[in-house]
Amino acid sequence: MAQRHATRRYTDTLGYLRDWQEQFAMDALLFPAGELTDAPASEMKVDIVLPGGARVGPISAQLVNQFGDGSCAFRLTDTPRQLGEAAAEAEAEKERWKQFLLATGEVAPPSNAPLPAVVPASNAVIEERDALKERVRRLEADLLRARAASAQAATSRGPAVADAAPAVRGLVVPEVGHLPVLAKGSLGDKSLRDLFMQIAVEKQTGLLTMTLPGGRMRWGFIQKGGPVAFRAEPMVEQEVLGVLLFKAGTITKEQLAQSLTIMDDRGMRQGEALIDMGVLTFSQLVLVLQKQVEFVLIQALAEPAGQWVFHALEEHSERFVAPPMRVAAYLFRDLRSKAKGMAAEDMAGFLRPRLESYVFIKPGVERTLEEMRLSVDESAFLKVVSGTSYRVREVPSVSTLSRGQTAIMLWCLTELGLIEFRTEAAAARGAEKTAAYLASRKATLDKGSYFDQLEAHWMCTSEDVEKAWKKFNQEFPADNPLKYGAAHEADVRRLIAAVRTAYDTLSNESKRREYRLTKIEKVMIEQSAIMLYQKGDMAMMKDSLAEAYDCFSKAVELMPTVGEYRGALERVKAARR
C-alpha cells in the first residue's frame, strides 16, 4: 500500500535549522531509509512539527526520486511561509546561545589575528589554471566526437535498427501542438522577460518553445511560476550538468566519464548517476540544478533573435528535482544593476510624467514580492507605499531609501509590472485595504482555531489573551459595527460574535488548557515548556527579567503542575519588584 501522509517531527532546534538550509529553503524534502513505513505515493501530504511544537501542514509533496538505499526525495509544491519564520527564530536562538557561551567563557572568541596578505598568483598557479582550461577544451571535444560517432553508428546499422525507438537522454518535450497558444513574442526585446513575470505572478505551469536562428530549438519547462529545467536541440555542451560541474572543479574528467557510462548502462540521468557514485548528495544536486537553470535562463534571455511561444499545461509528465526558479528575484537584481548605470536624465525622464500620479502595488503580486529577497530597507519601502497613497513626487520624502535608490526602486518595479500609477487619491486605497483586511480576518473563522481568531499564540497566558481581546475591541468595537461601512456590517457582526466565543473559552485558564490539548499534541506542549524554561534561565543570566518572566509564565501556562517552573516564575517575580 502506498503511504499518502507522513509527519516529520523536530525536537532539536539546530536539527531543524540544518534541514531548512539543506532542504526546505530549496523546496525539497528527503526522507531517509526507514522513515516512511510504506512505499511512498507519487503525491503525498506532509506535516512538519516544529521544535516549538507547532504543526505546519498538510504540505503537498511530489516524489521525484527513490534511491537504491530506500531513501526518497520529494519536492514541496508550495513551501509554507511558517517554515521560513521558524528558521529565522532558530537562527536567533542559535545566536543567543553563541553569545551566552562566549559570555560564560565556555567557548573562545574568534582570533583577531590579521589575515594573510594577498600575493600575486605564482607561475605554478597560472600553469594549473591554463591546464584546467585545456582540460575543459579537450573534454568538450571528446563529448562532441563521441556524439558524432554515436550518430554515425546508428546510421550504419540500417533501417531495421533505425526504426526502433532510440534511447532519449534528457527531458521529453511534451506535444503541445493541439493546445491554444497562451502567449508569443520575439526574442531581442523585453517580451520574454514580461512573460516570465506573468508566469511568476500567476504561478503558471507550461512549456516555453524558442525557435532560434540556424534551426536551433530551446524548450523551457515551467512549473508553478518558474522554470525548473531547459532542453536545447542540438545540445549545448556548456549547459550540460556534468560539464558545468567539471568547469566548476566539483568533479573530475574521470568522474564525468564514469557518470556517462552509468547513464547509458542503467538508464539514469546524470544527477542520479552522480548521487549513485557518491559524488553529490541529494541536497547538493538540488542546489546545482537550481544554478544550472539560472545559468541557462540567462542565456535564453540574451538570445538576440528568434521567436518564442508559451503553452499552458495542467502538469508535466516529468518529475523535477529542482524547485521553480524565483525569476522575479533574478530579474529584479539584474534591473537594479542596470539602473545604477542609467544616466540621470533618463531616470528623470521616467519620473517626470508620473510626478502627480499615486503609486499602487498591483493586486495579486504580494507573493511575488515576498519571493524577491529584498533588503530590509527595500521591504520597508514597499510597506510605506502599500500602506498609504503617495504621489510620486511625495515618495522620496517618506521613503526608507535614499532619493536615488527610491527612483531606482520605482523604475525596477515598473519594468517588472509590479506597481502601477493611478490618478485617484487615498480613499480608494483605504477601501481596498479595508476589504483585504476583513477578508483575512474572516478566513480565520472557517479555517483557524480560537487562537487564530483572537490573534493570540497557542502558548498564550491569561495576560496575553486579555491584551489580544483589548486590541480586537479597539479594531472592532461592538457598539459600532458600522465602523468599516454598511457594506461590511454583516461580516463585522459575525466576526465580533465568533471572536467573543473564542475569548470566552481562552480567558478561562482551565478551558484554555483543555482546548489547547485538542489542537496541539501533549508531547509538543511538554517539549515547548522545557525550551521556554531553558530560554528563561538564559534570560536570567543576562539579567533580562522581562524576557525571563515571559518565558517562565508560558512554561507554567503549558505545564502548571511542574514545581520547577512555578518556582522559577516566583523568583523572577521577586526580582522584578
Protein backbone atom coordinates (compact mmCIF):
# COMPACT_ATOMS: atom_id res chain seq x y z
CA MET A 1 0.00 0.00 0.00
CA ALA A 2 1.32 3.46 -0.87
CA GLN A 3 1.84 5.86 2.00
CA ARG A 4 -0.02 9.12 1.34
CA HIS A 5 0.70 11.02 4.55
CA ALA A 6 3.84 11.47 6.63
CA THR A 7 4.97 13.58 9.58
CA ARG A 8 8.45 14.96 10.20
CA ARG A 9 9.00 15.96 13.86
CA TYR A 10 11.73 18.22 15.19
CA THR A 11 12.67 18.48 18.85
CA ASP A 12 16.13 19.86 18.15
CA THR A 13 16.31 23.50 17.01
CA LEU A 14 19.68 23.08 15.30
CA GLY A 15 18.46 19.95 13.55
CA TYR A 16 15.54 21.88 12.12
CA LEU A 17 17.82 24.75 11.08
CA ARG A 18 20.11 22.34 9.25
CA ASP A 19 17.21 20.79 7.33
CA TRP A 20 15.83 24.23 6.49
CA GLN A 21 19.14 25.25 4.95
CA GLU A 22 19.71 21.96 3.11
CA GLN A 23 16.14 21.07 2.12
CA PHE A 24 13.12 23.29 2.89
CA ALA A 25 14.73 26.52 1.64
CA MET A 26 15.12 24.76 -1.72
CA ASP A 27 11.53 23.40 -1.65
CA ALA A 28 12.90 19.90 -1.11
CA LEU A 29 12.40 17.15 1.49
CA LEU A 30 14.42 13.95 1.89
CA PHE A 31 13.08 11.00 3.89
CA PRO A 32 15.98 8.73 4.92
CA ALA A 33 15.61 4.97 4.52
CA GLY A 34 13.13 3.59 7.05
CA GLU A 35 11.42 6.87 7.95
CA LEU A 36 8.48 6.06 5.68
CA THR A 37 6.71 2.92 6.88
CA ASP A 38 5.19 2.06 3.49
CA ALA A 39 6.08 2.59 -0.14
CA PRO A 40 5.77 6.30 -0.95
CA ALA A 41 2.94 7.61 -3.12
CA SER A 42 3.75 9.88 -6.05
CA GLU A 43 1.69 12.64 -4.37
CA MET A 44 1.84 12.95 -0.58
CA LYS A 45 0.78 15.24 2.22
CA VAL A 46 3.44 16.06 4.81
CA ASP A 47 3.13 17.65 8.25
CA ILE A 48 6.17 19.38 9.78
CA VAL A 49 6.18 19.57 13.58
CA LEU A 50 8.46 22.45 14.57
CA PRO A 51 10.75 22.42 17.64
CA GLY A 52 8.31 24.72 19.49
CA GLY A 53 5.53 22.20 18.99
CA ALA A 54 3.55 23.97 16.26
CA ARG A 55 2.37 21.81 13.39
CA VAL A 56 2.63 23.11 9.81
CA GLY A 57 0.71 21.31 7.13
CA PRO A 58 -0.54 19.41 5.36
CA ILE A 59 2.04 20.37 2.69
CA SER A 60 1.73 18.92 -0.82
CA ALA A 61 4.83 16.97 -1.89
CA GLN A 62 5.69 15.21 -5.15
CA LEU A 63 8.01 12.20 -5.31
CA VAL A 64 10.96 12.99 -7.59
CA ASN A 65 13.32 10.12 -6.81
CA GLN A 66 13.52 6.87 -4.87
CA PHE A 67 17.13 5.84 -4.25
CA GLY A 68 18.56 2.37 -4.02
CA ASP A 69 19.05 2.58 -0.23
CA GLY A 70 15.32 3.22 0.30
CA SER A 71 15.54 6.97 0.86
CA CYS A 72 13.03 9.15 -1.00
CA ALA A 73 13.33 12.69 -2.35
CA PHE A 74 10.28 14.93 -2.60
CA ARG A 75 9.64 18.39 -3.97
CA LEU A 76 7.40 20.66 -1.89
CA THR A 77 4.99 22.27 -4.33
CA ASP A 78 4.18 25.22 -2.06
CA THR A 79 6.51 25.64 0.91
CA PRO A 80 4.58 27.40 3.72
CA ARG A 81 5.83 30.75 4.98
CA GLN A 82 5.83 29.39 8.57
CA LEU A 83 8.83 27.17 7.83
CA GLY A 84 10.95 30.20 6.95
CA GLU A 85 9.72 32.08 10.02
CA ALA A 86 10.66 29.12 12.23
CA ALA A 87 14.13 29.07 10.64
CA ALA A 88 14.55 32.77 11.45
CA GLU A 89 13.60 32.05 15.08
CA ALA A 90 16.07 29.15 15.13
CA GLU A 91 18.84 31.45 13.82
CA ALA A 92 18.06 33.95 16.58
CA GLU A 93 18.11 31.14 19.15
CA LYS A 94 21.50 29.96 17.84
CA GLU A 95 22.87 33.49 18.12
CA ARG A 96 21.62 33.80 21.72
CA TRP A 97 23.35 30.55 22.66
CA LYS A 98 26.53 31.72 20.96
CA GLN A 99 26.54 34.96 22.93
CA PHE A 100 25.83 33.08 26.15
CA LEU A 101 28.69 30.62 25.58
CA LEU A 102 31.04 33.48 24.73
CA ALA A 103 29.97 35.41 27.82
CA THR A 104 30.49 32.42 30.13
CA GLY A 105 33.88 31.59 28.60
CA GLU A 106 32.80 28.09 27.54
CA VAL A 107 33.96 28.84 24.01
CA ALA A 108 36.72 31.15 22.87
CA PRO A 109 36.02 34.11 20.59
CA PRO A 110 37.45 34.00 17.07
CA SER A 111 41.04 35.04 16.71
CA ASN A 112 41.73 38.67 15.83
CA ALA A 113 44.94 37.77 14.08
CA PRO A 114 45.36 39.67 10.79
CA LEU A 115 44.54 37.84 7.60
CA PRO A 116 47.49 36.80 5.47
CA ALA A 117 48.39 39.25 2.76
CA VAL A 118 47.18 38.51 -0.74
CA VAL A 119 50.10 37.65 -3.02
CA PRO A 120 50.17 37.51 -6.80
CA ALA A 121 49.48 34.14 -8.40
CA SER A 122 52.64 32.10 -8.84
CA ASN A 123 53.73 30.65 -12.12
CA ALA A 124 52.60 27.24 -10.87
CA VAL A 125 49.08 28.53 -10.17
CA ILE A 126 48.90 30.17 -13.59
CA GLU A 127 50.09 26.96 -15.25
CA GLU A 128 47.47 24.94 -13.30
CA ARG A 129 44.76 27.38 -14.36
CA ASP A 130 45.82 27.12 -18.02
CA ALA A 131 45.94 23.34 -17.74
CA LEU A 132 42.38 23.32 -16.37
CA LYS A 133 41.17 25.40 -19.32
CA GLU A 134 42.84 22.96 -21.68
CA ARG A 135 41.19 20.01 -19.89
CA VAL A 136 37.79 21.65 -20.37
CA ARG A 137 38.52 22.23 -24.07
CA ARG A 138 39.58 18.60 -24.54
CA LEU A 139 36.56 17.32 -22.62
CA GLU A 140 34.16 19.28 -24.80
CA ALA A 141 35.93 17.98 -27.90
CA ASP A 142 35.71 14.37 -26.56
CA LEU A 143 32.00 14.74 -25.92
CA LEU A 144 31.33 16.16 -29.39
CA ARG A 145 33.36 13.35 -31.04
CA ALA A 146 31.52 10.71 -29.00
CA ARG A 147 28.16 12.15 -30.00
CA ALA A 148 29.15 12.25 -33.69
CA ALA A 149 30.42 8.64 -33.56
CA SER A 150 27.18 7.51 -31.93
CA ALA A 151 25.10 9.19 -34.64
CA GLN A 152 27.26 7.61 -37.39
CA ALA A 153 26.95 4.16 -35.82
CA ALA A 154 23.17 4.49 -35.64
CA THR A 155 23.06 5.39 -39.36
CA SER A 156 25.27 2.45 -40.38
CA ARG A 157 23.02 -0.09 -38.61
CA GLY A 158 20.40 0.24 -41.34
CA PRO A 159 16.63 0.75 -41.42
CA ALA A 160 15.68 -2.15 -39.15
CA VAL A 161 17.59 -0.69 -36.24
CA ALA A 162 16.89 2.91 -37.18
CA ASP A 163 13.15 2.27 -36.97
CA ALA A 164 13.47 1.18 -33.35
CA ALA A 165 12.74 3.86 -30.75
CA PRO A 166 16.09 5.46 -29.89
CA ALA A 167 17.13 5.92 -26.29
CA VAL A 168 16.38 9.52 -25.40
CA ARG A 169 18.72 11.25 -22.99
CA GLY A 170 17.28 14.33 -21.33
CA LEU A 171 13.81 15.69 -20.80
CA VAL A 172 10.96 14.57 -23.03
CA VAL A 173 9.30 17.55 -24.72
CA PRO A 174 5.51 17.19 -24.46
CA GLU A 175 3.31 17.50 -27.54
CA VAL A 176 1.55 20.88 -27.35
CA GLY A 177 0.51 21.43 -30.98
CA HIS A 178 -3.15 20.77 -30.12
CA LEU A 179 -3.17 23.32 -27.28
CA PRO A 180 -4.00 27.03 -27.67
CA VAL A 181 -1.08 29.46 -27.56
CA LEU A 182 -1.23 31.43 -24.32
CA ALA A 183 1.41 33.98 -25.33
CA LYS A 184 4.01 34.54 -28.04
CA GLY A 185 6.61 37.11 -28.98
CA SER A 186 10.02 37.88 -30.41
CA LEU A 187 13.44 37.48 -28.86
CA GLY A 188 15.65 40.52 -28.54
CA ASP A 189 13.01 42.72 -26.86
CA LYS A 190 11.53 42.62 -23.36
CA SER A 191 8.51 40.45 -24.22
CA LEU A 192 10.13 37.26 -22.91
CA ARG A 193 11.02 38.98 -19.65
CA ASP A 194 7.40 40.15 -19.32
CA LEU A 195 6.24 36.58 -19.91
CA PHE A 196 8.40 35.26 -17.08
CA MET A 197 6.98 37.91 -14.74
CA GLN A 198 3.43 36.99 -15.73
CA ILE A 199 4.24 33.33 -15.10
CA ALA A 200 5.75 34.18 -11.70
CA VAL A 201 2.72 36.21 -10.57
CA GLU A 202 0.09 33.78 -11.86
CA LYS A 203 2.04 30.63 -10.82
CA GLN A 204 1.51 29.08 -14.24
CA THR A 205 2.72 25.71 -15.50
CA GLY A 206 3.57 25.11 -19.14
CA LEU A 207 6.12 24.76 -21.93
CA LEU A 208 8.14 27.60 -23.44
CA THR A 209 9.29 26.89 -27.02
CA MET A 210 12.03 29.07 -28.52
CA THR A 211 12.82 28.89 -32.24
CA LEU A 212 16.32 30.27 -32.86
CA PRO A 213 18.37 31.12 -35.97
CA GLY A 214 20.02 28.21 -37.76
CA GLY A 215 17.24 25.77 -36.86
CA ARG A 216 18.21 25.66 -33.20
CA MET A 217 15.48 24.98 -30.62
CA ARG A 218 15.23 25.50 -26.90
CA TRP A 219 12.47 24.44 -24.52
CA GLY A 220 11.80 25.74 -21.03
CA PHE A 221 9.82 23.60 -18.60
CA ILE A 222 7.77 25.93 -16.37
CA GLN A 223 6.35 24.64 -13.09
CA LYS A 224 4.03 26.74 -10.91
CA GLY A 225 5.62 30.10 -11.55
CA GLY A 226 9.17 29.45 -12.64
CA PRO A 227 11.49 27.39 -14.85
CA VAL A 228 12.61 24.05 -13.45
CA ALA A 229 14.61 22.79 -16.45
CA PHE A 230 15.65 23.56 -20.01
CA ARG A 231 16.46 21.47 -23.06
CA ALA A 232 18.24 22.52 -26.25
CA GLU A 233 18.45 20.85 -29.66
CA PRO A 234 21.18 20.47 -30.70
CA MET A 235 22.51 20.09 -27.19
CA VAL A 236 24.65 22.95 -25.88
CA GLU A 237 27.57 21.23 -24.17
CA GLN A 238 28.37 24.22 -21.95
CA GLU A 239 24.91 23.93 -20.35
CA VAL A 240 25.07 20.21 -19.54
CA LEU A 241 25.09 19.44 -15.82
CA GLY A 242 28.28 17.38 -15.89
CA VAL A 243 30.22 19.96 -17.92
CA LEU A 244 29.14 22.75 -15.56
CA LEU A 245 30.29 20.70 -12.56
CA PHE A 246 33.57 19.91 -14.26
CA LYS A 247 34.24 23.53 -15.11
CA ALA A 248 33.47 24.46 -11.51
CA GLY A 249 36.03 21.92 -10.30
CA THR A 250 33.38 19.87 -8.49
CA ILE A 251 34.02 16.65 -10.43
CA THR A 252 36.96 15.29 -12.38
CA LYS A 253 37.08 14.27 -16.03
CA GLU A 254 37.17 10.63 -14.93
CA GLN A 255 34.07 11.07 -12.75
CA LEU A 256 32.29 12.77 -15.63
CA ALA A 257 33.14 9.86 -17.95
CA GLN A 258 32.01 7.35 -15.29
CA SER A 259 28.67 9.16 -14.88
CA LEU A 260 28.08 8.98 -18.65
CA THR A 261 28.76 5.24 -18.59
CA ILE A 262 26.29 4.74 -15.71
CA MET A 263 23.69 6.81 -17.56
CA ASP A 264 23.99 4.60 -20.64
CA ASP A 265 24.17 1.28 -18.76
CA ARG A 266 21.39 1.91 -16.22
CA GLY A 267 19.16 4.47 -17.92
CA MET A 268 19.82 7.10 -15.27
CA ARG A 269 20.01 10.83 -15.56
CA GLN A 270 23.33 12.44 -14.80
CA GLY A 271 22.33 13.83 -11.41
CA GLU A 272 21.13 10.40 -10.30
CA ALA A 273 24.35 8.83 -11.54
CA LEU A 274 26.49 11.31 -9.60
CA ILE A 275 24.49 10.60 -6.43
CA ASP A 276 24.90 6.87 -7.02
CA MET A 277 28.65 7.43 -7.36
CA GLY A 278 28.73 9.30 -4.05
CA VAL A 279 29.96 12.49 -5.73
CA LEU A 280 26.88 14.54 -4.82
CA THR A 281 24.27 14.38 -2.06
CA PHE A 282 20.62 14.96 -2.89
CA SER A 283 20.71 18.42 -1.30
CA GLN A 284 23.79 19.33 -3.33
CA LEU A 285 22.11 18.07 -6.51
CA VAL A 286 19.06 20.29 -5.90
CA LEU A 287 21.32 23.31 -5.44
CA VAL A 288 23.38 22.52 -8.54
CA LEU A 289 20.27 22.05 -10.68
CA GLN A 290 18.97 25.42 -9.49
CA LYS A 291 22.23 27.05 -10.58
CA GLN A 292 22.03 25.25 -13.92
CA VAL A 293 18.50 26.57 -14.54
CA GLU A 294 19.61 30.12 -13.69
CA PHE A 295 22.64 29.80 -15.99
CA VAL A 296 20.52 28.63 -18.94
CA LEU A 297 17.84 31.25 -18.29
CA ILE A 298 20.46 33.98 -18.61
CA GLN A 299 21.49 32.55 -21.99
CA ALA A 300 17.85 32.34 -23.13
CA LEU A 301 17.06 35.94 -22.18
CA ALA A 302 20.17 37.11 -24.02
CA GLU A 303 19.21 35.49 -27.35
CA PRO A 304 19.18 38.41 -29.85
CA ALA A 305 16.85 36.93 -32.47
CA GLY A 306 14.14 34.31 -32.85
CA GLN A 307 10.58 33.64 -31.73
CA TRP A 308 9.03 32.24 -28.56
CA VAL A 309 5.67 30.59 -27.82
CA PHE A 310 4.18 29.60 -24.44
CA HIS A 311 1.59 26.84 -23.96
CA ALA A 312 -0.10 26.32 -20.59
CA LEU A 313 -0.26 22.78 -19.18
CA GLU A 314 -2.16 21.27 -16.27
CA GLU A 315 1.01 19.47 -15.20
CA HIS A 316 4.19 17.96 -16.61
CA SER A 317 4.70 14.23 -17.02
CA GLU A 318 8.24 14.74 -15.72
CA ARG A 319 9.08 14.89 -12.00
CA PHE A 320 11.55 17.72 -11.45
CA VAL A 321 14.04 17.71 -8.60
CA ALA A 322 14.79 21.43 -8.68
CA PRO A 323 12.09 23.76 -7.34
CA PRO A 324 10.77 26.52 -9.62
CA MET A 325 13.34 29.28 -10.02
CA ARG A 326 12.28 32.58 -8.46
CA VAL A 327 12.63 34.51 -11.66
CA ALA A 328 11.37 37.79 -10.19
CA ALA A 329 14.32 37.86 -7.75
CA TYR A 330 16.84 37.39 -10.58
CA LEU A 331 15.18 39.94 -12.88
CA PHE A 332 14.97 42.49 -10.08
CA ARG A 333 18.68 42.13 -9.28
CA ASP A 334 19.55 42.43 -12.97
CA LEU A 335 17.41 45.56 -13.47
CA ARG A 336 18.73 47.16 -10.30
CA SER A 337 22.28 46.69 -11.55
CA LYS A 338 21.37 48.25 -14.93
CA ALA A 339 19.53 51.16 -13.26
CA LYS A 340 22.63 52.15 -11.34
CA GLY A 341 24.34 52.83 -14.66
CA MET A 342 21.48 54.85 -16.15
CA ALA A 343 22.04 58.50 -16.99
CA ALA A 344 20.37 60.92 -14.59
CA GLU A 345 18.35 62.46 -17.42
CA ASP A 346 16.97 59.05 -18.41
CA MET A 347 15.77 58.41 -14.86
CA ALA A 348 14.31 61.90 -14.65
CA GLY A 349 12.52 61.25 -17.94
CA PHE A 350 10.90 58.19 -16.40
CA LEU A 351 9.75 60.07 -13.27
CA ARG A 352 8.71 63.42 -14.78
CA PRO A 353 5.37 62.43 -16.41
CA ARG A 354 4.34 60.48 -13.30
CA LEU A 355 5.07 63.04 -10.55
CA GLU A 356 1.38 63.77 -9.81
CA SER A 357 0.23 60.14 -10.02
CA TYR A 358 -0.30 57.88 -7.00
CA VAL A 359 1.84 54.76 -6.54
CA PHE A 360 -0.03 51.48 -6.05
CA ILE A 361 1.22 47.92 -5.64
CA LYS A 362 -0.64 45.87 -8.25
CA PRO A 363 -3.25 43.49 -6.80
CA GLY A 364 -2.19 39.85 -6.64
CA VAL A 365 1.60 40.36 -6.70
CA GLU A 366 2.20 40.17 -2.94
CA ARG A 367 3.56 36.60 -3.05
CA THR A 368 5.90 37.51 -5.89
CA LEU A 369 7.26 40.46 -3.91
CA GLU A 370 7.91 38.15 -0.95
CA GLU A 371 9.97 35.88 -3.22
CA MET A 372 12.23 38.69 -4.45
CA ARG A 373 14.60 38.57 -1.45
CA LEU A 374 14.57 42.32 -0.95
CA SER A 375 16.81 44.03 1.57
CA VAL A 376 15.37 45.26 4.85
CA ASP A 377 15.22 48.84 3.55
CA GLU A 378 13.63 47.77 0.25
CA SER A 379 10.98 45.76 2.10
CA ALA A 380 10.30 48.76 4.34
CA PHE A 381 9.88 50.90 1.22
CA LEU A 382 7.16 48.54 -0.04
CA LYS A 383 5.33 48.81 3.28
CA VAL A 384 5.40 52.59 3.01
CA VAL A 385 3.91 52.76 -0.49
CA SER A 386 1.40 49.96 0.15
CA GLY A 387 0.14 51.43 3.42
CA THR A 388 -0.74 54.96 2.25
CA SER A 389 -1.37 56.62 -1.09
CA TYR A 390 1.55 58.86 -2.05
CA ARG A 391 2.16 60.80 -5.22
CA VAL A 392 5.43 60.01 -6.95
CA ARG A 393 6.80 63.43 -6.00
CA GLU A 394 5.99 62.69 -2.33
CA VAL A 395 7.56 59.24 -2.18
CA PRO A 396 11.23 60.30 -1.65
CA SER A 397 10.29 62.27 1.48
CA VAL A 398 8.73 59.19 3.16
CA SER A 399 10.97 56.51 1.63
CA THR A 400 13.33 54.34 3.69
CA LEU A 401 15.81 54.61 0.80
CA SER A 402 17.91 57.48 -0.48
CA ARG A 403 16.44 59.67 -3.22
CA GLY A 404 18.48 57.90 -5.91
CA GLN A 405 17.66 54.42 -4.57
CA THR A 406 13.97 55.34 -4.40
CA ALA A 407 13.97 56.31 -8.08
CA ILE A 408 15.73 53.04 -8.98
CA MET A 409 13.21 51.05 -6.95
CA LEU A 410 10.26 52.71 -8.70
CA TRP A 411 11.83 52.12 -12.12
CA CYS A 412 12.62 48.45 -11.46
CA LEU A 413 9.16 47.66 -10.07
CA THR A 414 7.54 49.44 -13.01
CA GLU A 415 9.66 47.49 -15.52
CA LEU A 416 8.62 44.26 -13.80
CA GLY A 417 4.95 45.25 -13.87
CA LEU A 418 4.58 45.07 -10.08
CA ILE A 419 3.41 48.64 -9.47
CA GLU A 420 1.06 50.96 -11.30
CA PHE A 421 0.27 54.67 -11.27
CA ARG A 422 -3.27 55.99 -10.79
CA THR A 423 -4.92 59.37 -10.57
CA GLU A 424 -7.28 58.52 -7.66
CA ALA A 425 -6.50 59.63 -4.11
CA ALA A 426 -6.15 57.79 -0.81
CA ALA A 427 -9.84 56.98 -0.30
CA ALA A 428 -9.72 54.21 -2.89
CA ARG A 429 -6.59 52.77 -1.26
CA GLY A 430 -8.32 52.76 2.10
CA ALA A 431 -11.32 50.88 0.73
CA GLU A 432 -9.06 48.25 -0.84
CA LYS A 433 -7.08 47.74 2.35
CA THR A 434 -10.25 47.51 4.45
CA ALA A 435 -11.73 44.83 2.20
CA ALA A 436 -8.47 42.85 2.18
CA TYR A 437 -8.08 43.09 5.96
CA LEU A 438 -11.65 41.96 6.64
CA ALA A 439 -11.23 39.10 4.19
CA SER A 440 -8.13 37.87 6.06
CA ARG A 441 -9.95 38.07 9.41
CA LYS A 442 -12.99 36.26 8.02
CA ALA A 443 -10.76 33.44 6.73
CA THR A 444 -9.83 32.51 10.31
CA LEU A 445 -13.48 31.89 11.17
CA ASP A 446 -13.66 28.90 8.82
CA LYS A 447 -10.10 27.56 8.96
CA GLY A 448 -8.48 28.93 12.12
CA SER A 449 -8.54 27.90 15.77
CA TYR A 450 -9.71 30.11 18.64
CA PHE A 451 -6.07 31.21 18.96
CA ASP A 452 -6.05 32.31 15.31
CA GLN A 453 -9.38 34.10 15.62
CA LEU A 454 -8.21 36.10 18.62
CA GLU A 455 -4.74 36.54 17.05
CA ALA A 456 -3.06 35.03 20.10
CA HIS A 457 -0.27 32.43 20.07
CA TRP A 458 -1.27 28.93 21.16
CA MET A 459 1.14 29.30 24.13
CA CYS A 460 -0.73 32.40 25.32
CA THR A 461 -1.27 33.14 29.01
CA SER A 462 -4.29 34.89 30.55
CA GLU A 463 -2.38 38.16 30.27
CA ASP A 464 -1.79 37.57 26.55
CA VAL A 465 -5.46 36.75 25.99
CA GLU A 466 -6.57 39.99 27.63
CA LYS A 467 -4.14 42.02 25.51
CA ALA A 468 -5.40 40.36 22.32
CA TRP A 469 -9.04 40.91 23.35
CA LYS A 470 -8.41 44.58 24.09
CA LYS A 471 -6.73 45.03 20.69
CA PHE A 472 -9.66 43.32 18.94
CA ASN A 473 -12.20 45.56 20.68
CA GLN A 474 -10.29 48.62 19.55
CA GLU A 475 -10.37 47.41 15.96
CA PHE A 476 -13.96 46.08 16.05
CA PRO A 477 -15.96 47.90 18.75
CA ALA A 478 -19.18 46.00 19.46
CA ASP A 479 -21.11 49.26 19.82
CA ASN A 480 -20.03 50.44 16.36
CA PRO A 481 -20.45 47.63 13.80
CA LEU A 482 -20.62 50.27 11.05
CA LYS A 483 -17.02 51.39 11.63
CA TYR A 484 -15.99 49.76 8.35
CA GLY A 485 -19.09 50.85 6.43
CA ALA A 486 -22.55 49.47 5.82
CA ALA A 487 -21.26 47.15 3.07
CA HIS A 488 -19.23 45.20 5.66
CA GLU A 489 -21.68 45.34 8.59
CA ALA A 490 -22.82 41.69 8.36
CA ASP A 491 -19.24 40.41 8.19
CA VAL A 492 -18.16 42.59 11.13
CA ARG A 493 -21.09 41.41 13.30
CA ARG A 494 -20.27 37.76 12.50
CA LEU A 495 -16.59 38.35 13.29
CA ILE A 496 -17.39 40.02 16.63
CA ALA A 497 -19.67 37.15 17.68
CA ALA A 498 -17.13 34.48 16.73
CA VAL A 499 -14.18 36.14 18.45
CA ARG A 500 -16.32 36.69 21.56
CA THR A 501 -16.86 32.91 21.69
CA ALA A 502 -13.12 32.35 21.30
CA TYR A 503 -12.40 34.84 24.09
CA ASP A 504 -14.91 33.21 26.46
CA THR A 505 -13.02 29.94 26.11
CA LEU A 506 -9.45 31.24 26.14
CA SER A 507 -9.92 33.70 29.01
CA ASN A 508 -10.70 30.79 31.36
CA GLU A 509 -7.46 29.03 32.39
CA SER A 510 -8.87 25.51 32.65
CA LYS A 511 -10.92 25.80 29.44
CA ARG A 512 -7.93 27.28 27.62
CA ARG A 513 -5.67 24.39 28.61
CA GLU A 514 -8.31 21.80 27.68
CA TYR A 515 -8.85 23.46 24.30
CA ARG A 516 -5.10 23.61 23.66
CA LEU A 517 -4.91 19.84 24.05
CA THR A 518 -7.45 19.44 21.25
CA LYS A 519 -5.21 21.38 18.86
CA ILE A 520 -1.65 20.62 19.99
CA GLU A 521 -0.24 17.22 20.87
CA LYS A 522 0.67 16.73 24.51
CA VAL A 523 4.29 15.83 23.78
CA MET A 524 4.70 19.08 21.83
CA ILE A 525 3.31 21.06 24.75
CA GLU A 526 5.74 19.38 27.16
CA GLN A 527 8.75 19.93 24.88
CA SER A 528 7.81 23.58 24.35
CA ALA A 529 7.62 24.09 28.12
CA ILE A 530 11.13 22.66 28.51
CA MET A 531 12.50 25.02 25.85
CA LEU A 532 10.76 28.01 27.42
CA TYR A 533 12.20 27.15 30.81
CA GLN A 534 15.71 26.91 29.30
CA LYS A 535 15.28 30.24 27.50
CA GLY A 536 14.08 31.80 30.74
CA ASP A 537 17.22 30.56 32.51
CA MET A 538 19.39 32.16 29.83
CA ALA A 539 17.46 35.41 30.12
CA MET A 540 18.02 35.44 33.89
CA MET A 541 21.75 35.03 33.34
CA LYS A 542 21.69 38.06 31.02
CA ASP A 543 19.57 39.94 33.58
CA SER A 544 16.75 40.25 31.03
CA LEU A 545 13.97 39.99 33.58
CA ALA A 546 11.12 40.87 31.21
CA GLU A 547 12.12 38.09 28.81
CA ALA A 548 12.61 35.65 31.67
CA TYR A 549 9.16 36.48 33.08
CA ASP A 550 7.56 35.89 29.68
CA CYS A 551 9.32 32.52 29.23
CA PHE A 552 8.59 31.21 32.73
CA SER A 553 4.97 32.40 32.56
CA LYS A 554 4.42 30.45 29.38
CA ALA A 555 6.21 27.37 30.75
CA VAL A 556 3.84 27.41 33.75
CA GLU A 557 0.91 28.00 31.40
CA LEU A 558 1.78 24.88 29.42
CA MET A 559 2.75 22.67 32.39
CA PRO A 560 1.16 24.18 35.54
CA THR A 561 1.91 21.15 37.76
CA VAL A 562 5.71 21.28 37.35
CA GLY A 563 7.09 22.79 40.55
CA GLU A 564 10.41 23.73 38.96
CA TYR A 565 8.64 26.03 36.51
CA ARG A 566 6.46 27.61 39.17
CA GLY A 567 9.48 28.21 41.39
CA ALA A 568 11.37 29.91 38.56
CA LEU A 569 8.40 32.18 37.90
CA GLU A 570 8.20 33.20 41.57
CA ARG A 571 11.91 34.01 41.60
CA VAL A 572 11.68 36.30 38.59
CA LYS A 573 8.59 37.98 40.05
CA ALA A 574 10.53 38.73 43.23
CA ALA A 575 13.48 40.07 41.22
CA ARG A 576 11.19 42.44 39.30
CA ARG A 577 9.68 44.01 42.43
